[in-house]
């Protein structure tokens, strides 16, 4: 095989390899790169409660987990099964809630100051939304911003 053909073949293979490396980003890596890792609350200075839950995204054993604490011993931990950063700078995560036998997909947007809020929340199995276009379907209220807390 002539040297020029080998160089072209090598360049093509290298290009395919790097393209696949980008698309093969892990769930934990995508969430980390987007800035989701940490504890999020409506008010970091207020105690954890049903109305001010602590929502934590943490990497353990190479997997991303979504831990929730609503005070009074109301806690759970669930595996995030997918994460996708979109071109509009939103992040979609899909979480398997074992205790509810549900898989839910959330879409988050990030403000310039780093706060996040939910744009969508839907049951993957039934396609039923509880949040759509940044509003709670139950009452029409806009979803609140959450801040990353130093916890």
C-alpha atoms as a PDB file:
ATOM      1  CA  UNK A   1       0.000   0.000   0.000  1.00  0.00           C
ATOM      2  CA  UNK A   2       1.480   3.381  -0.966  1.00  0.00           C
ATOM      3  CA  UNK A   3       2.446   5.717   1.861  1.00  0.00           C
ATOM      4  CA  UNK A   4      -0.080   8.411   0.822  1.00  0.00           C
ATOM      5  CA  UNK A   5      -2.996   5.964   0.959  1.00  0.00           C
ATOM      6  CA  UNK A   6      -1.874   4.723   4.393  1.00  0.00           C
ATOM      7  CA  UNK A   7      -1.698   8.322   5.668  1.00  0.00           C
ATOM      8  CA  UNK A   8      -5.205   9.082   4.385  1.00  0.00           C
ATOM      9  CA  UNK A   9      -6.542   5.866   5.933  1.00  0.00           C
ATOM     10  CA  UNK A  10      -4.846   6.682   9.250  1.00  0.00           C
ATOM     11  CA  UNK A  11      -6.266  10.227   9.211  1.00  0.00           C
ATOM     12  CA  UNK A  12      -9.771   8.919   8.552  1.00  0.00           C
ATOM     13  CA  UNK A  13      -9.515   6.371  11.367  1.00  0.00           C
ATOM     14  CA  UNK A  14      -8.222   9.007  13.767  1.00  0.00           C
ATOM     15  CA  UNK A  15     -11.108  11.297  12.854  1.00  0.00           C
ATOM     16  CA  UNK A  16     -13.666   8.551  13.444  1.00  0.00           C
ATOM     17  CA  UNK A  17     -12.062   7.631  16.760  1.00  0.00           C
ATOM     18  CA  UNK A  18     -12.147  11.172  18.128  1.00  0.00           C
ATOM     19  CA  UNK A  19     -15.734  11.682  16.946  1.00  0.00           C
ATOM     20  CA  UNK A  20     -16.761   8.487  18.732  1.00  0.00           C
ATOM     21  CA  UNK A  21     -14.894   9.582  21.872  1.00  0.00           C
ATOM     22  CA  UNK A  22     -16.971  12.741  22.091  1.00  0.00           C
ATOM     23  CA  UNK A  23     -20.272  10.931  21.619  1.00  0.00           C
ATOM     24  CA  UNK A  24     -19.269   8.234  24.127  1.00  0.00           C
ATOM     25  CA  UNK A  25     -19.276  10.728  27.030  1.00  0.00           C
ATOM     26  CA  UNK A  26     -20.449   9.021  30.228  1.00  0.00           C
ATOM     27  CA  UNK A  27     -23.587   9.994  32.118  1.00  0.00           C
ATOM     28  CA  UNK A  28     -21.465  11.189  35.037  1.00  0.00           C
ATOM     29  CA  UNK A  29     -19.089  13.044  32.694  1.00  0.00           C
ATOM     30  CA  UNK A  30     -21.927  14.842  30.913  1.00  0.00           C
ATOM     31  CA  UNK A  31     -23.507  15.941  34.205  1.00  0.00           C
ATOM     32  CA  UNK A  32     -20.141  17.043  35.578  1.00  0.00           C
ATOM     33  CA  UNK A  33     -19.261  19.025  32.471  1.00  0.00           C
ATOM     34  CA  UNK A  34     -22.675  20.750  32.462  1.00  0.00           C
ATOM     35  CA  UNK A  35     -22.285  21.664  36.156  1.00  0.00           C
ATOM     36  CA  UNK A  36     -24.987  19.521  37.764  1.00  0.00           C
ATOM     37  CA  UNK A  37     -22.857  17.797  40.411  1.00  0.00           C
ATOM     38  CA  UNK A  38     -23.600  19.080  43.913  1.00  0.00           C
ATOM     39  CA  UNK A  39     -26.477  19.802  46.285  1.00  0.00           C
ATOM     40  CA  UNK A  40     -29.313  22.037  45.054  1.00  0.00           C
ATOM     41  CA  UNK A  41     -31.994  23.773  47.122  1.00  0.00           C
ATOM     42  CA  UNK A  42     -34.444  26.617  46.778  1.00  0.00           C
ATOM     43  CA  UNK A  43     -32.860  28.263  49.857  1.00  0.00           C
ATOM     44  CA  UNK A  44     -29.478  26.972  51.011  1.00  0.00           C
ATOM     45  CA  UNK A  45     -29.708  28.863  54.323  1.00  0.00           C
ATOM     46  CA  UNK A  46     -33.080  27.396  55.304  1.00  0.00           C
ATOM     47  CA  UNK A  47     -33.424  23.936  56.846  1.00  0.00           C
ATOM     48  CA  UNK A  48     -34.130  20.932  54.656  1.00  0.00           C
ATOM     49  CA  UNK A  49     -37.869  20.284  54.520  1.00  0.00           C
ATOM     50  CA  UNK A  50     -40.641  19.016  52.262  1.00  0.00           C
ATOM     51  CA  UNK A  51     -40.817  22.468  50.653  1.00  0.00           C
ATOM     52  CA  UNK A  52     -37.025  23.009  50.608  1.00  0.00           C
ATOM     53  CA  UNK A  53     -35.643  19.615  49.704  1.00  0.00           C
ATOM     54  CA  UNK A  54     -31.936  19.002  49.154  1.00  0.00           C
ATOM     55  CA  UNK A  55     -31.420  17.459  45.732  1.00  0.00           C
ATOM     56  CA  UNK A  56     -27.950  16.022  45.313  1.00  0.00           C
ATOM     57  CA  UNK A  57     -26.260  14.755  42.162  1.00  0.00           C
ATOM     58  CA  UNK A  58     -23.196  12.685  43.036  1.00  0.00           C
ATOM     59  CA  UNK A  59     -20.852  10.291  41.272  1.00  0.00           C
ATOM     60  CA  UNK A  60     -20.254   7.018  43.096  1.00  0.00           C
ATOM     61  CA  UNK A  61     -18.461   4.071  41.544  1.00  0.00           C
ATOM     62  CA  UNK A  62     -18.469   5.807  38.175  1.00  0.00           C
ATOM     63  CA  UNK A  63     -22.283   6.120  38.167  1.00  0.00           C
ATOM     64  CA  UNK A  64     -24.358   9.249  38.646  1.00  0.00           C
ATOM     65  CA  UNK A  65     -26.901   9.221  41.469  1.00  0.00           C
ATOM     66  CA  UNK A  66     -29.751  11.575  42.325  1.00  0.00           C
ATOM     67  CA  UNK A  67     -30.141  11.687  46.121  1.00  0.00           C
ATOM     68  CA  UNK A  68     -33.152  13.434  47.628  1.00  0.00           C
ATOM     69  CA  UNK A  69     -33.612  14.598  51.226  1.00  0.00           C
ATOM     70  CA  UNK A  70     -36.906  16.185  52.272  1.00  0.00           C
ATOM     71  CA  UNK A  71     -36.182  16.155  56.018  1.00  0.00           C
ATOM     72  CA  UNK A  72     -37.691  13.934  58.676  1.00  0.00           C
ATOM     73  CA  UNK A  73     -35.966  10.851  57.302  1.00  0.00           C
ATOM     74  CA  UNK A  74     -37.624  11.191  53.882  1.00  0.00           C
ATOM     75  CA  UNK A  75     -34.664  10.310  51.664  1.00  0.00           C
ATOM     76  CA  UNK A  76     -33.954   8.210  48.622  1.00  0.00           C
ATOM     77  CA  UNK A  77     -31.188   7.611  46.117  1.00  0.00           C
ATOM     78  CA  UNK A  78     -31.741   6.763  42.465  1.00  0.00           C
ATOM     79  CA  UNK A  79     -29.543   6.034  39.462  1.00  0.00           C
ATOM     80  CA  UNK A  80     -29.400   8.559  36.640  1.00  0.00           C
ATOM     81  CA  UNK A  81     -29.528   6.347  33.558  1.00  0.00           C
ATOM     82  CA  UNK A  82     -28.860   8.998  30.925  1.00  0.00           C
ATOM     83  CA  UNK A  83     -27.711  12.581  30.597  1.00  0.00           C
ATOM     84  CA  UNK A  84     -27.594  14.677  27.454  1.00  0.00           C
ATOM     85  CA  UNK A  85     -26.363  18.242  27.099  1.00  0.00           C
ATOM     86  CA  UNK A  86     -28.311  19.905  24.293  1.00  0.00           C
ATOM     87  CA  UNK A  87     -27.214  22.577  21.845  1.00  0.00           C
ATOM     88  CA  UNK A  88     -29.581  25.079  23.553  1.00  0.00           C
ATOM     89  CA  UNK A  89     -27.489  24.600  26.738  1.00  0.00           C
ATOM     90  CA  UNK A  90     -30.199  22.641  28.541  1.00  0.00           C
ATOM     91  CA  UNK A  91     -29.477  19.312  30.194  1.00  0.00           C
ATOM     92  CA  UNK A  92     -31.787  16.309  29.994  1.00  0.00           C
ATOM     93  CA  UNK A  93     -31.434  13.579  32.602  1.00  0.00           C
ATOM     94  CA  UNK A  94     -33.398  10.362  32.906  1.00  0.00           C
ATOM     95  CA  UNK A  95     -33.705   8.854  36.371  1.00  0.00           C
ATOM     96  CA  UNK A  96     -34.966   5.440  37.403  1.00  0.00           C
ATOM     97  CA  UNK A  97     -36.997   5.920  40.602  1.00  0.00           C
ATOM     98  CA  UNK A  98     -37.037   2.334  41.880  1.00  0.00           C
ATOM     99  CA  UNK A  99     -39.252   3.061  44.894  1.00  0.00           C
ATOM    100  CA  UNK A 100     -41.974   4.480  42.621  1.00  0.00           C
ATOM    101  CA  UNK A 101     -41.412   2.041  39.724  1.00  0.00           C
ATOM    102  CA  UNK A 102     -41.109   5.076  37.452  1.00  0.00           C
ATOM    103  CA  UNK A 103     -38.575   6.419  35.034  1.00  0.00           C
ATOM    104  CA  UNK A 104     -38.682  10.198  34.736  1.00  0.00           C
ATOM    105  CA  UNK A 105     -36.970  12.574  32.366  1.00  0.00           C
ATOM    106  CA  UNK A 106     -36.075  16.098  33.482  1.00  0.00           C
ATOM    107  CA  UNK A 107     -34.809  19.007  31.411  1.00  0.00           C
ATOM    108  CA  UNK A 108     -32.889  21.741  33.212  1.00  0.00           C
ATOM    109  CA  UNK A 109     -31.798  25.217  32.190  1.00  0.00           C
ATOM    110  CA  UNK A 110     -28.961  27.118  33.843  1.00  0.00           C
ATOM    111  CA  UNK A 111     -28.986  30.866  34.552  1.00  0.00           C
ATOM    112  CA  UNK A 112     -25.932  33.057  34.017  1.00  0.00           C
ATOM    113  CA  UNK A 113     -25.359  33.055  37.803  1.00  0.00           C
ATOM    114  CA  UNK A 114     -25.272  29.229  37.927  1.00  0.00           C
ATOM    115  CA  UNK A 115     -28.750  28.570  39.351  1.00  0.00           C
ATOM    116  CA  UNK A 116     -30.867  25.886  37.655  1.00  0.00           C
ATOM    117  CA  UNK A 117     -34.554  25.217  37.210  1.00  0.00           C
ATOM    118  CA  UNK A 118     -36.649  22.471  35.684  1.00  0.00           C
ATOM    119  CA  UNK A 119     -38.147  23.077  32.261  1.00  0.00           C
ATOM    120  CA  UNK A 120     -39.763  19.655  31.919  1.00  0.00           C
ATOM    121  CA  UNK A 121     -40.513  16.646  34.095  1.00  0.00           C
ATOM    122  CA  UNK A 122     -42.238  13.682  32.505  1.00  0.00           C
ATOM    123  CA  UNK A 123     -42.932  10.041  33.198  1.00  0.00           C
ATOM    124  CA  UNK A 124     -41.102   8.216  30.399  1.00  0.00           C
ATOM    125  CA  UNK A 125     -43.501   5.238  30.516  1.00  0.00           C
ATOM    126  CA  UNK A 126     -46.772   7.198  30.298  1.00  0.00           C
ATOM    127  CA  UNK A 127     -45.519  10.443  28.666  1.00  0.00           C
ATOM    128  CA  UNK A 128     -47.395  12.311  31.430  1.00  0.00           C
ATOM    129  CA  UNK A 129     -45.833  15.673  32.333  1.00  0.00           C
ATOM    130  CA  UNK A 130     -45.847  17.323  35.749  1.00  0.00           C
ATOM    131  CA  UNK A 131     -43.735  20.237  34.432  1.00  0.00           C
ATOM    132  CA  UNK A 132     -43.803  21.468  30.851  1.00  0.00           C
ATOM    133  CA  UNK A 133     -42.151  24.557  29.363  1.00  0.00           C
ATOM    134  CA  UNK A 134     -40.984  25.653  32.822  1.00  0.00           C
ATOM    135  CA  UNK A 135     -44.438  25.578  34.439  1.00  0.00           C
ATOM    136  CA  UNK A 136     -46.148  23.174  36.817  1.00  0.00           C
ATOM    137  CA  UNK A 137     -49.148  21.703  35.021  1.00  0.00           C
ATOM    138  CA  UNK A 138     -51.104  21.393  38.292  1.00  0.00           C
ATOM    139  CA  UNK A 139     -51.246  25.145  38.916  1.00  0.00           C
ATOM    140  CA  UNK A 140     -49.496  26.963  36.053  1.00  0.00           C
ATOM    141  CA  UNK A 141     -46.791  28.397  38.335  1.00  0.00           C
ATOM    142  CA  UNK A 142     -43.305  28.905  36.934  1.00  0.00           C
ATOM    143  CA  UNK A 143     -40.744  26.473  38.341  1.00  0.00           C
ATOM    144  CA  UNK A 144     -38.434  28.031  40.934  1.00  0.00           C
ATOM    145  CA  UNK A 145     -34.691  28.506  40.621  1.00  0.00           C
ATOM    146  CA  UNK A 146     -32.446  26.286  42.720  1.00  0.00           C
ATOM    147  CA  UNK A 147     -28.993  27.226  43.967  1.00  0.00           C
ATOM    148  CA  UNK A 148     -25.970  25.005  44.484  1.00  0.00           C
ATOM    149  CA  UNK A 149     -25.336  24.770  48.225  1.00  0.00           C
ATOM    150  CA  UNK A 150     -22.014  24.236  49.975  1.00  0.00           C
ATOM    151  CA  UNK A 151     -23.049  20.973  51.681  1.00  0.00           C
END
